[in-house]
């Protein structure tokens, strides 16, 4: 969505390989009810007809590095064919 990243809302980051699967990454630095400076990073993986959402909240570069280690070691069961979530759209819902 145009302008959301500039406002500090959700931003699409480069795709990430997780367990041999490519998925889009979204980071949100504008969270409700969460202390200032906290960010949320989420990876979306489509496996067959299921979408897996793997994410975390973080405050420090050390916490983000730990999340990257988790993603590097993440594996899905054998026998599942890779998928890719295309045309991810960031939606804003009315409040």
N, C-alpha and C. Protein backbone atom coordinates (compact mmCIF):
# COMPACT_ATOMS: atom_id res chain seq x y z
N UNK A 1 0.85 -1.16 0.00
CA UNK A 1 0.00 0.00 0.00
C UNK A 1 0.90 1.22 0.00
N UNK A 2 0.68 2.10 -0.92
CA UNK A 2 1.51 3.28 -1.06
C UNK A 2 1.42 4.15 0.18
N UNK A 3 2.57 4.57 0.67
CA UNK A 3 2.63 5.49 1.78
C UNK A 3 2.68 4.86 3.16
N UNK A 4 2.32 3.60 3.31
CA UNK A 4 2.34 3.00 4.65
C UNK A 4 3.75 2.91 5.22
N UNK A 5 4.71 2.53 4.40
CA UNK A 5 6.08 2.42 4.89
C UNK A 5 6.60 3.77 5.36
N UNK A 6 6.24 4.84 4.63
CA UNK A 6 6.68 6.17 5.01
C UNK A 6 6.09 6.59 6.34
N UNK A 7 4.91 6.10 6.67
CA UNK A 7 4.24 6.45 7.92
C UNK A 7 4.71 5.58 9.08
N UNK A 8 5.65 4.69 8.84
CA UNK A 8 6.13 3.81 9.90
C UNK A 8 5.27 2.59 10.09
N UNK A 9 4.40 2.31 9.15
CA UNK A 9 3.55 1.13 9.23
C UNK A 9 4.22 -0.05 8.58
N UNK A 10 3.43 -1.04 8.15
CA UNK A 10 4.00 -2.24 7.54
C UNK A 10 4.82 -1.92 6.29
N UNK A 11 5.97 -2.58 6.17
CA UNK A 11 6.83 -2.42 5.00
C UNK A 11 7.22 -3.79 4.47
N UNK A 12 7.16 -3.95 3.17
CA UNK A 12 7.58 -5.20 2.53
C UNK A 12 9.09 -5.19 2.42
N UNK A 13 9.72 -6.22 2.95
CA UNK A 13 11.17 -6.40 2.86
C UNK A 13 11.46 -7.45 1.80
N UNK A 14 12.74 -7.62 1.43
CA UNK A 14 13.06 -8.65 0.44
C UNK A 14 12.60 -10.04 0.91
N UNK A 15 12.24 -10.88 -0.07
CA UNK A 15 11.82 -12.24 0.23
C UNK A 15 12.92 -12.99 0.97
N UNK A 16 12.53 -13.99 1.73
CA UNK A 16 13.46 -14.75 2.56
C UNK A 16 13.26 -16.23 2.30
N UNK A 17 14.35 -16.97 2.21
CA UNK A 17 14.28 -18.43 2.10
C UNK A 17 14.25 -18.99 3.52
N UNK A 18 13.23 -19.81 3.80
CA UNK A 18 13.08 -20.46 5.10
C UNK A 18 12.80 -21.93 4.85
N UNK A 19 13.71 -22.78 5.26
CA UNK A 19 13.54 -24.22 5.07
C UNK A 19 13.41 -24.61 3.61
N UNK A 20 14.08 -23.86 2.72
CA UNK A 20 14.02 -24.15 1.29
C UNK A 20 12.83 -23.52 0.59
N UNK A 21 12.03 -22.75 1.30
CA UNK A 21 10.83 -22.12 0.74
C UNK A 21 11.02 -20.62 0.71
N UNK A 22 10.62 -20.00 -0.39
CA UNK A 22 10.70 -18.54 -0.50
C UNK A 22 9.40 -17.92 0.00
N UNK A 23 9.53 -16.87 0.78
CA UNK A 23 8.34 -16.20 1.28
C UNK A 23 8.59 -14.72 1.48
N UNK A 24 7.56 -13.92 1.31
CA UNK A 24 7.69 -12.48 1.54
C UNK A 24 7.83 -12.17 3.03
N UNK A 25 8.50 -11.08 3.31
CA UNK A 25 8.75 -10.63 4.67
C UNK A 25 8.09 -9.26 4.84
N UNK A 26 7.41 -9.08 5.95
CA UNK A 26 6.78 -7.79 6.27
C UNK A 26 7.27 -7.38 7.65
N UNK A 27 7.64 -6.10 7.77
CA UNK A 27 8.04 -5.56 9.07
C UNK A 27 7.15 -4.38 9.40
N UNK A 28 6.71 -4.34 10.64
CA UNK A 28 5.85 -3.26 11.11
C UNK A 28 6.52 -2.60 12.31
N UNK A 29 6.76 -1.30 12.20
CA UNK A 29 7.40 -0.57 13.29
C UNK A 29 6.41 0.33 14.03
N UNK A 30 5.14 0.22 13.66
CA UNK A 30 4.12 1.04 14.30
C UNK A 30 3.04 0.12 14.87
N UNK A 31 3.24 -0.29 16.11
CA UNK A 31 2.38 -1.29 16.73
C UNK A 31 1.54 -0.65 17.83
N UNK A 32 0.31 -1.06 17.93
CA UNK A 32 -0.59 -0.55 18.97
C UNK A 32 -0.38 -1.34 20.25
N UNK A 33 -0.30 -0.63 21.36
CA UNK A 33 -0.23 -1.28 22.66
C UNK A 33 1.11 -1.91 22.96
N UNK A 34 2.11 -1.62 22.17
CA UNK A 34 3.45 -2.18 22.33
C UNK A 34 4.41 -1.01 22.57
N UNK A 35 5.41 -1.15 23.43
CA UNK A 35 6.32 -0.03 23.69
C UNK A 35 6.99 0.51 22.42
N UNK A 36 7.19 1.83 22.39
CA UNK A 36 7.88 2.46 21.26
C UNK A 36 9.23 1.80 21.03
N UNK A 37 9.61 1.66 19.78
CA UNK A 37 10.88 1.04 19.42
C UNK A 37 10.77 -0.44 19.13
N UNK A 38 9.67 -1.06 19.52
CA UNK A 38 9.47 -2.48 19.24
C UNK A 38 8.98 -2.64 17.81
N UNK A 39 9.52 -3.62 17.11
CA UNK A 39 9.11 -3.93 15.74
C UNK A 39 8.60 -5.36 15.67
N UNK A 40 7.79 -5.60 14.66
CA UNK A 40 7.29 -6.94 14.37
C UNK A 40 7.80 -7.33 12.99
N UNK A 41 8.37 -8.52 12.88
CA UNK A 41 8.82 -9.03 11.57
C UNK A 41 8.16 -10.38 11.34
N UNK A 42 7.58 -10.57 10.15
CA UNK A 42 6.81 -11.77 9.83
C UNK A 42 7.22 -12.28 8.46
N UNK A 43 7.37 -13.61 8.34
CA UNK A 43 7.61 -14.28 7.07
C UNK A 43 6.38 -15.13 6.76
N UNK A 44 5.89 -15.06 5.52
CA UNK A 44 4.74 -15.84 5.08
C UNK A 44 5.22 -16.95 4.16
N UNK A 45 4.89 -18.20 4.50
CA UNK A 45 5.25 -19.34 3.66
C UNK A 45 3.96 -20.05 3.24
N UNK A 46 3.83 -20.31 1.93
CA UNK A 46 2.68 -21.06 1.44
C UNK A 46 3.15 -22.47 1.15
N UNK A 47 2.54 -23.44 1.82
CA UNK A 47 2.87 -24.85 1.65
C UNK A 47 1.57 -25.56 1.30
N UNK A 48 1.53 -26.04 0.05
CA UNK A 48 0.30 -26.62 -0.49
C UNK A 48 -0.82 -25.61 -0.29
N UNK A 49 -1.84 -25.91 0.46
CA UNK A 49 -2.94 -24.95 0.63
C UNK A 49 -2.91 -24.26 1.99
N UNK A 50 -1.76 -24.33 2.67
CA UNK A 50 -1.64 -23.75 4.00
C UNK A 50 -0.64 -22.61 3.99
N UNK A 51 -0.99 -21.50 4.63
CA UNK A 51 -0.06 -20.39 4.80
C UNK A 51 0.46 -20.42 6.23
N UNK A 52 1.79 -20.51 6.37
CA UNK A 52 2.43 -20.45 7.67
C UNK A 52 2.94 -19.03 7.89
N UNK A 53 2.69 -18.50 9.07
CA UNK A 53 3.15 -17.17 9.42
C UNK A 53 4.12 -17.32 10.57
N UNK A 54 5.38 -16.96 10.32
CA UNK A 54 6.43 -17.10 11.32
C UNK A 54 6.93 -15.70 11.63
N UNK A 55 6.80 -15.30 12.88
CA UNK A 55 7.19 -13.93 13.19
C UNK A 55 7.57 -13.73 14.63
N UNK A 56 7.99 -12.51 14.92
CA UNK A 56 8.36 -12.15 16.28
C UNK A 56 8.33 -10.65 16.46
N UNK A 57 8.25 -10.24 17.71
CA UNK A 57 8.47 -8.85 18.09
C UNK A 57 9.92 -8.74 18.56
N UNK A 58 10.57 -7.61 18.24
CA UNK A 58 11.93 -7.44 18.71
C UNK A 58 12.22 -5.97 19.00
N UNK A 59 13.17 -5.77 19.91
CA UNK A 59 13.61 -4.43 20.30
C UNK A 59 15.07 -4.18 19.94
N UNK A 60 15.86 -5.25 19.89
CA UNK A 60 17.31 -5.09 19.71
C UNK A 60 17.80 -5.87 18.50
N UNK A 61 18.97 -5.51 18.03
CA UNK A 61 19.57 -6.24 16.91
C UNK A 61 19.91 -7.67 17.32
N UNK A 62 20.20 -7.88 18.61
CA UNK A 62 20.49 -9.23 19.09
C UNK A 62 19.24 -10.12 18.99
N UNK A 63 18.09 -9.57 19.33
CA UNK A 63 16.84 -10.33 19.21
C UNK A 63 16.53 -10.65 17.76
N UNK A 64 16.76 -9.69 16.87
CA UNK A 64 16.55 -9.92 15.44
C UNK A 64 17.51 -11.00 14.93
N UNK A 65 18.76 -10.97 15.38
CA UNK A 65 19.74 -12.00 14.97
C UNK A 65 19.29 -13.38 15.43
N UNK A 66 18.71 -13.48 16.63
CA UNK A 66 18.20 -14.76 17.12
C UNK A 66 17.06 -15.26 16.23
N UNK A 67 16.17 -14.35 15.82
CA UNK A 67 15.08 -14.72 14.92
C UNK A 67 15.64 -15.22 13.58
N UNK A 68 16.68 -14.57 13.08
CA UNK A 68 17.30 -15.01 11.82
C UNK A 68 17.87 -16.42 11.97
N UNK A 69 18.44 -16.72 13.15
CA UNK A 69 18.95 -18.07 13.40
C UNK A 69 17.82 -19.10 13.40
N UNK A 70 16.70 -18.73 13.99
CA UNK A 70 15.53 -19.63 13.98
C UNK A 70 15.10 -19.89 12.54
N UNK A 71 15.00 -18.83 11.74
CA UNK A 71 14.60 -18.99 10.34
C UNK A 71 15.60 -19.85 9.57
N UNK A 72 16.90 -19.67 9.85
CA UNK A 72 17.94 -20.46 9.16
C UNK A 72 17.82 -21.94 9.48
N UNK A 73 17.33 -22.29 10.67
CA UNK A 73 17.26 -23.70 11.06
C UNK A 73 15.86 -24.31 10.87
N UNK A 74 14.89 -23.51 10.45
CA UNK A 74 13.51 -23.97 10.32
C UNK A 74 13.38 -24.98 9.18
N UNK A 75 12.69 -26.10 9.44
CA UNK A 75 12.47 -27.13 8.42
C UNK A 75 11.02 -27.60 8.47
N UNK A 76 10.44 -27.81 7.30
CA UNK A 76 9.13 -28.43 7.20
C UNK A 76 9.32 -29.91 6.89
N UNK A 77 8.30 -30.74 7.14
CA UNK A 77 8.44 -32.19 6.89
C UNK A 77 8.77 -32.49 5.43
N UNK A 78 9.46 -33.59 5.20
CA UNK A 78 9.78 -34.04 3.84
C UNK A 78 8.49 -34.36 3.07
N UNK A 79 8.57 -34.24 1.75
CA UNK A 79 7.45 -34.61 0.90
C UNK A 79 6.49 -33.48 0.59
N UNK A 80 6.77 -32.29 1.09
CA UNK A 80 5.90 -31.15 0.79
C UNK A 80 6.55 -30.34 -0.33
N UNK A 81 5.78 -30.07 -1.36
CA UNK A 81 6.29 -29.33 -2.51
C UNK A 81 6.33 -27.83 -2.21
N UNK A 82 7.41 -27.14 -2.60
CA UNK A 82 7.52 -25.71 -2.32
C UNK A 82 6.41 -24.90 -2.99
N UNK A 83 6.03 -23.84 -2.34
CA UNK A 83 5.08 -22.88 -2.88
C UNK A 83 5.61 -21.49 -2.66
N UNK A 84 4.94 -20.52 -3.19
CA UNK A 84 5.39 -19.14 -3.06
C UNK A 84 4.17 -18.24 -3.00
N UNK A 85 4.12 -17.39 -2.00
CA UNK A 85 3.01 -16.46 -1.85
C UNK A 85 3.29 -15.26 -2.75
N UNK A 86 2.51 -15.11 -3.80
CA UNK A 86 2.72 -14.03 -4.75
C UNK A 86 1.69 -12.93 -4.51
N UNK A 87 2.06 -11.75 -4.93
CA UNK A 87 1.15 -10.61 -4.87
C UNK A 87 0.62 -10.35 -3.47
N UNK A 88 1.51 -10.41 -2.48
CA UNK A 88 1.11 -10.10 -1.11
C UNK A 88 0.63 -8.66 -1.06
N UNK A 89 -0.52 -8.46 -0.48
CA UNK A 89 -1.06 -7.12 -0.32
C UNK A 89 -1.20 -6.83 1.15
N UNK A 90 -0.78 -5.66 1.55
CA UNK A 90 -0.95 -5.23 2.93
C UNK A 90 -2.32 -4.57 3.03
N UNK A 91 -3.13 -5.08 3.92
CA UNK A 91 -4.49 -4.58 4.05
C UNK A 91 -4.62 -3.74 5.31
N UNK A 92 -5.41 -2.70 5.21
CA UNK A 92 -5.74 -1.89 6.37
C UNK A 92 -7.22 -2.06 6.63
N UNK A 93 -7.54 -2.52 7.82
CA UNK A 93 -8.93 -2.75 8.18
C UNK A 93 -9.46 -1.56 8.94
N UNK A 94 -10.75 -1.24 8.75
CA UNK A 94 -11.34 -0.12 9.50
C UNK A 94 -11.31 -0.39 11.00
N UNK A 95 -11.14 0.65 11.77
CA UNK A 95 -11.12 0.49 13.24
C UNK A 95 -12.43 0.98 13.84
